Amino acid sequence: MTHVGKKVEGNEEQRRMAAREAERSGERPSEWKATTGASKQRGSGIGRGKQREMAAEIAEDREAPPQPPPGRTFSGREHGEYGADHARVYGALGEAERRHGGEAVFATEVARTAGLPDERTRLALHDLVTVHRLVTELQGTDRPDMGPRYETKPGR
């Protein structure tokens, strides 16, 4: 048997839209009366003390900006159009694959073949994987110290 309580004004989609708008303006959805509220959600199993504790943790998370993981990060980079470095790295990847009988290769070998510094090659490979989708990055290699291996996508 289901318990039917009083509905907050508007349908579910309208409440979700109002809640998102409240979040964007920096307020809590409950302040806009955009949610049914925890007090009306019977049987949630979370007491008021736990709710306050969770709210405090969420507030702390919002105040502290997320820290990037250690090591290289690609965040904050502008992804430009397919350029000369992309073309050079893509061609070098194909050439290195052919030397290895069609097998995927490490970024260091692509860099040597392209005649580019490792970091510049890795940036171009990242774009070729995530933006241009011409290359596949293979994780879990037998040489984790070398990083992932790369291969051109079939039919490209």
C-alpha atoms as a PDB file:
ATOM      1  CA  MET A   1       0.000   0.000   0.000  1.00  0.00           C
ATOM      2  CA  THR A   2       1.441   3.355  -0.968  1.00  0.00           C
ATOM      3  CA  HIS A   3       1.088   6.493   1.053  1.00  0.00           C
ATOM      4  CA  VAL A   4       0.031   9.525  -0.963  1.00  0.00           C
ATOM      5  CA  GLY A   5       0.943  12.815   0.700  1.00  0.00           C
ATOM      6  CA  LYS A   6       0.216  16.371  -0.260  1.00  0.00           C
ATOM      7  CA  LYS A   7       2.062  17.314  -3.448  1.00  0.00           C
ATOM      8  CA  VAL A   8       4.101  20.483  -3.633  1.00  0.00           C
ATOM      9  CA  GLU A   9       2.749  22.810  -6.268  1.00  0.00           C
ATOM     10  CA  GLY A  10       3.861  21.923  -9.811  1.00  0.00           C
ATOM     11  CA  ASN A  11       4.909  18.659 -11.337  1.00  0.00           C
ATOM     12  CA  GLU A  12       8.231  16.886 -10.769  1.00  0.00           C
ATOM     13  CA  GLU A  13       9.875  18.488 -13.807  1.00  0.00           C
ATOM     14  CA  GLN A  14       8.869  22.000 -12.710  1.00  0.00           C
ATOM     15  CA  ARG A  15      10.294  21.372  -9.221  1.00  0.00           C
ATOM     16  CA  ARG A  16      13.562  20.062 -10.678  1.00  0.00           C
ATOM     17  CA  MET A  17      13.874  23.132 -12.927  1.00  0.00           C
ATOM     18  CA  ALA A  18      13.201  25.442  -9.958  1.00  0.00           C
ATOM     19  CA  ALA A  19      15.758  23.544  -7.869  1.00  0.00           C
ATOM     20  CA  ARG A  20      18.418  23.923 -10.587  1.00  0.00           C
ATOM     21  CA  GLU A  21      17.655  27.640 -10.863  1.00  0.00           C
ATOM     22  CA  ALA A  22      17.994  28.031  -7.090  1.00  0.00           C
ATOM     23  CA  GLU A  23      21.371  26.257  -7.187  1.00  0.00           C
ATOM     24  CA  ARG A  24      22.573  28.537 -10.010  1.00  0.00           C
ATOM     25  CA  SER A  25      21.659  31.611  -7.964  1.00  0.00           C
ATOM     26  CA  GLY A  26      23.608  30.271  -4.987  1.00  0.00           C
ATOM     27  CA  GLU A  27      20.589  29.405  -2.850  1.00  0.00           C
ATOM     28  CA  ARG A  28      19.232  26.116  -1.614  1.00  0.00           C
ATOM     29  CA  PRO A  29      16.260  24.684  -3.518  1.00  0.00           C
ATOM     30  CA  SER A  30      14.320  24.428  -0.246  1.00  0.00           C
ATOM     31  CA  GLU A  31      14.586  28.213   0.175  1.00  0.00           C
ATOM     32  CA  TRP A  32      12.692  28.568  -3.101  1.00  0.00           C
ATOM     33  CA  LYS A  33      10.158  25.965  -1.968  1.00  0.00           C
ATOM     34  CA  ALA A  34      11.261  23.910  -4.975  1.00  0.00           C
ATOM     35  CA  THR A  35      11.520  20.625  -3.089  1.00  0.00           C
ATOM     36  CA  THR A  36       9.199  18.501  -1.022  1.00  0.00           C
ATOM     37  CA  GLY A  37      11.672  18.790   1.880  1.00  0.00           C
ATOM     38  CA  ALA A  38      13.141  16.022   3.982  1.00  0.00           C
ATOM     39  CA  SER A  39      10.446  16.403   6.632  1.00  0.00           C
ATOM     40  CA  LYS A  40       7.842  15.352   4.079  1.00  0.00           C
ATOM     41  CA  GLN A  41       9.862  12.403   2.794  1.00  0.00           C
ATOM     42  CA  ARG A  42       8.806   9.744   5.263  1.00  0.00           C
ATOM     43  CA  GLY A  43      10.949   6.717   5.847  1.00  0.00           C
ATOM     44  CA  SER A  44      14.179   8.175   4.506  1.00  0.00           C
ATOM     45  CA  GLY A  45      16.009   6.645   7.461  1.00  0.00           C
ATOM     46  CA  ILE A  46      18.122   9.757   8.021  1.00  0.00           C
ATOM     47  CA  GLY A  47      17.672  11.635  11.295  1.00  0.00           C
ATOM     48  CA  ARG A  48      17.890  15.399  11.648  1.00  0.00           C
ATOM     49  CA  GLY A  49      21.364  15.182  13.219  1.00  0.00           C
ATOM     50  CA  LYS A  50      22.692  13.225  10.257  1.00  0.00           C
ATOM     51  CA  GLN A  51      21.001  15.668   7.859  1.00  0.00           C
ATOM     52  CA  ARG A  52      22.766  18.619   9.537  1.00  0.00           C
ATOM     53  CA  GLU A  53      26.095  16.762   9.428  1.00  0.00           C
ATOM     54  CA  MET A  54      25.675  16.002   5.718  1.00  0.00           C
ATOM     55  CA  ALA A  55      24.671  19.625   5.014  1.00  0.00           C
ATOM     56  CA  ALA A  56      27.816  20.866   6.796  1.00  0.00           C
ATOM     57  CA  GLU A  57      29.992  18.518   4.708  1.00  0.00           C
ATOM     58  CA  ILE A  58      28.360  19.730   1.499  1.00  0.00           C
ATOM     59  CA  ALA A  59      28.929  23.373   2.528  1.00  0.00           C
ATOM     60  CA  GLU A  60      32.625  22.629   3.186  1.00  0.00           C
ATOM     61  CA  ASP A  61      32.944  20.977  -0.228  1.00  0.00           C
ATOM     62  CA  ARG A  62      31.456  24.039  -1.920  1.00  0.00           C
ATOM     63  CA  GLU A  63      33.839  26.411  -0.160  1.00  0.00           C
ATOM     64  CA  ALA A  64      37.040  24.541  -1.004  1.00  0.00           C
ATOM     65  CA  PRO A  65      37.820  24.411  -4.735  1.00  0.00           C
ATOM     66  CA  PRO A  66      38.640  20.914  -5.959  1.00  0.00           C
ATOM     67  CA  GLN A  67      42.335  20.201  -6.179  1.00  0.00           C
ATOM     68  CA  PRO A  68      43.671  18.602  -9.374  1.00  0.00           C
ATOM     69  CA  PRO A  69      45.144  15.127  -8.982  1.00  0.00           C
ATOM     70  CA  PRO A  70      48.922  14.946  -8.768  1.00  0.00           C
ATOM     71  CA  GLY A  71      50.730  14.784 -12.073  1.00  0.00           C
ATOM     72  CA  ARG A  72      49.767  16.144 -15.463  1.00  0.00           C
ATOM     73  CA  THR A  73      46.337  17.591 -16.031  1.00  0.00           C
ATOM     74  CA  PHE A  74      44.665  18.745 -19.221  1.00  0.00           C
ATOM     75  CA  SER A  75      42.040  20.945 -17.541  1.00  0.00           C
ATOM     76  CA  GLY A  76      41.958  24.617 -18.420  1.00  0.00           C
ATOM     77  CA  ARG A  77      43.423  24.049 -21.881  1.00  0.00           C
ATOM     78  CA  GLU A  78      41.774  25.443 -24.960  1.00  0.00           C
ATOM     79  CA  HIS A  79      41.132  22.746 -27.542  1.00  0.00           C
ATOM     80  CA  GLY A  80      41.894  24.352 -30.857  1.00  0.00           C
ATOM     81  CA  GLU A  81      41.206  23.215 -34.321  1.00  0.00           C
ATOM     82  CA  TYR A  82      43.082  20.285 -35.803  1.00  0.00           C
ATOM     83  CA  GLY A  83      46.486  21.818 -36.404  1.00  0.00           C
ATOM     84  CA  ALA A  84      50.004  21.072 -37.551  1.00  0.00           C
ATOM     85  CA  ASP A  85      51.002  19.283 -34.318  1.00  0.00           C
ATOM     86  CA  HIS A  86      47.911  17.083 -34.523  1.00  0.00           C
ATOM     87  CA  ALA A  87      48.666  16.136 -38.131  1.00  0.00           C
ATOM     88  CA  ARG A  88      52.328  15.479 -37.357  1.00  0.00           C
ATOM     89  CA  VAL A  89      51.557  13.324 -34.315  1.00  0.00           C
ATOM     90  CA  TYR A  90      48.767  11.437 -36.097  1.00  0.00           C
ATOM     91  CA  GLY A  91      51.089  10.619 -39.012  1.00  0.00           C
ATOM     92  CA  ALA A  92      53.878   9.593 -36.627  1.00  0.00           C
ATOM     93  CA  LEU A  93      51.474   7.328 -34.735  1.00  0.00           C
ATOM     94  CA  GLY A  94      50.491   5.562 -37.969  1.00  0.00           C
ATOM     95  CA  GLU A  95      54.133   5.156 -38.960  1.00  0.00           C
ATOM     96  CA  ALA A  96      55.093   3.755 -35.530  1.00  0.00           C
ATOM     97  CA  GLU A  97      52.129   1.348 -35.630  1.00  0.00           C
ATOM     98  CA  ARG A  98      53.262   0.029 -39.032  1.00  0.00           C
ATOM     99  CA  ARG A  99      56.766  -0.607 -37.634  1.00  0.00           C
ATOM    100  CA  HIS A 100      55.138  -2.680 -34.867  1.00  0.00           C
ATOM    101  CA  GLY A 101      52.920  -4.728 -37.165  1.00  0.00           C
ATOM    102  CA  GLY A 102      49.797  -2.690 -36.434  1.00  0.00           C
ATOM    103  CA  GLU A 103      50.171  -2.857 -32.644  1.00  0.00           C
ATOM    104  CA  ALA A 104      49.541   0.163 -30.381  1.00  0.00           C
ATOM    105  CA  VAL A 105      52.599   2.194 -29.366  1.00  0.00           C
ATOM    106  CA  PHE A 106      53.713   4.346 -26.429  1.00  0.00           C
ATOM    107  CA  ALA A 107      53.681   8.142 -26.581  1.00  0.00           C
ATOM    108  CA  THR A 108      57.472   8.323 -26.267  1.00  0.00           C
ATOM    109  CA  GLU A 109      57.893   6.419 -29.529  1.00  0.00           C
ATOM    110  CA  VAL A 110      55.325   8.649 -31.242  1.00  0.00           C
ATOM    111  CA  ALA A 111      57.261  11.698 -29.993  1.00  0.00           C
ATOM    112  CA  ARG A 112      60.544  10.330 -31.365  1.00  0.00           C
ATOM    113  CA  THR A 113      58.935   9.536 -34.714  1.00  0.00           C
ATOM    114  CA  ALA A 114      57.285  12.973 -34.896  1.00  0.00           C
ATOM    115  CA  GLY A 115      60.446  14.754 -33.771  1.00  0.00           C
ATOM    116  CA  LEU A 116      58.506  16.606 -31.048  1.00  0.00           C
ATOM    117  CA  PRO A 117      59.049  16.911 -27.287  1.00  0.00           C
ATOM    118  CA  ASP A 118      57.194  14.296 -25.200  1.00  0.00           C
ATOM    119  CA  GLU A 119      54.878  16.808 -23.500  1.00  0.00           C
ATOM    120  CA  ARG A 120      53.828  18.446 -26.776  1.00  0.00           C
ATOM    121  CA  THR A 121      53.190  15.004 -28.261  1.00  0.00           C
ATOM    122  CA  ARG A 122      51.095  13.951 -25.247  1.00  0.00           C
ATOM    123  CA  LEU A 123      48.980  17.110 -25.543  1.00  0.00           C
ATOM    124  CA  ALA A 124      48.356  16.425 -29.237  1.00  0.00           C
ATOM    125  CA  LEU A 125      47.557  12.750 -28.492  1.00  0.00           C
ATOM    126  CA  HIS A 126      45.121  13.824 -25.783  1.00  0.00           C
ATOM    127  CA  ASP A 127      43.307  16.071 -28.282  1.00  0.00           C
ATOM    128  CA  LEU A 128      43.336  13.338 -30.932  1.00  0.00           C
ATOM    129  CA  VAL A 129      41.667  10.992 -28.416  1.00  0.00           C
ATOM    130  CA  THR A 130      39.172  13.335 -26.700  1.00  0.00           C
ATOM    131  CA  VAL A 131      38.404  16.100 -29.204  1.00  0.00           C
ATOM    132  CA  HIS A 132      39.048  14.776 -32.691  1.00  0.00           C
ATOM    133  CA  ARG A 133      38.354  11.107 -31.835  1.00  0.00           C
ATOM    134  CA  LEU A 134      40.888   9.765 -34.329  1.00  0.00           C
ATOM    135  CA  VAL A 135      42.992   7.838 -31.819  1.00  0.00           C
ATOM    136  CA  THR A 136      42.255   5.292 -29.083  1.00  0.00           C
ATOM    137  CA  GLU A 137      44.126   5.328 -25.775  1.00  0.00           C
ATOM    138  CA  LEU A 138      44.699   1.857 -24.324  1.00  0.00           C
ATOM    139  CA  GLN A 139      45.042   1.590 -20.538  1.00  0.00           C
ATOM    140  CA  GLY A 140      46.387  -1.299 -18.501  1.00  0.00           C
ATOM    141  CA  THR A 141      49.574  -1.990 -20.413  1.00  0.00           C
ATOM    142  CA  ASP A 142      52.270  -4.431 -19.354  1.00  0.00           C
ATOM    143  CA  ARG A 143      54.567  -1.396 -18.841  1.00  0.00           C
ATOM    144  CA  PRO A 144      52.664   0.986 -16.522  1.00  0.00           C
ATOM    145  CA  ASP A 145      55.811   3.101 -16.110  1.00  0.00           C
ATOM    146  CA  MET A 146      55.517   4.005 -19.817  1.00  0.00           C
ATOM    147  CA  GLY A 147      51.895   5.129 -19.602  1.00  0.00           C
ATOM    148  CA  PRO A 148      49.140   4.171 -22.012  1.00  0.00           C
ATOM    149  CA  ARG A 149      49.621   2.973 -25.573  1.00  0.00           C
ATOM    150  CA  TYR A 150      47.891   4.606 -28.531  1.00  0.00           C
ATOM    151  CA  GLU A 151      46.484   3.375 -31.814  1.00  0.00           C
ATOM    152  CA  THR A 152      44.706   4.955 -34.755  1.00  0.00           C
ATOM    153  CA  LYS A 153      41.017   4.137 -34.979  1.00  0.00           C
ATOM    154  CA  PRO A 154      40.116   1.657 -37.707  1.00  0.00           C
ATOM    155  CA  GLY A 155      38.812   3.133 -40.934  1.00  0.00           C
ATOM    156  CA  ARG A 156      40.459   6.521 -40.386  1.00  0.00           C
END
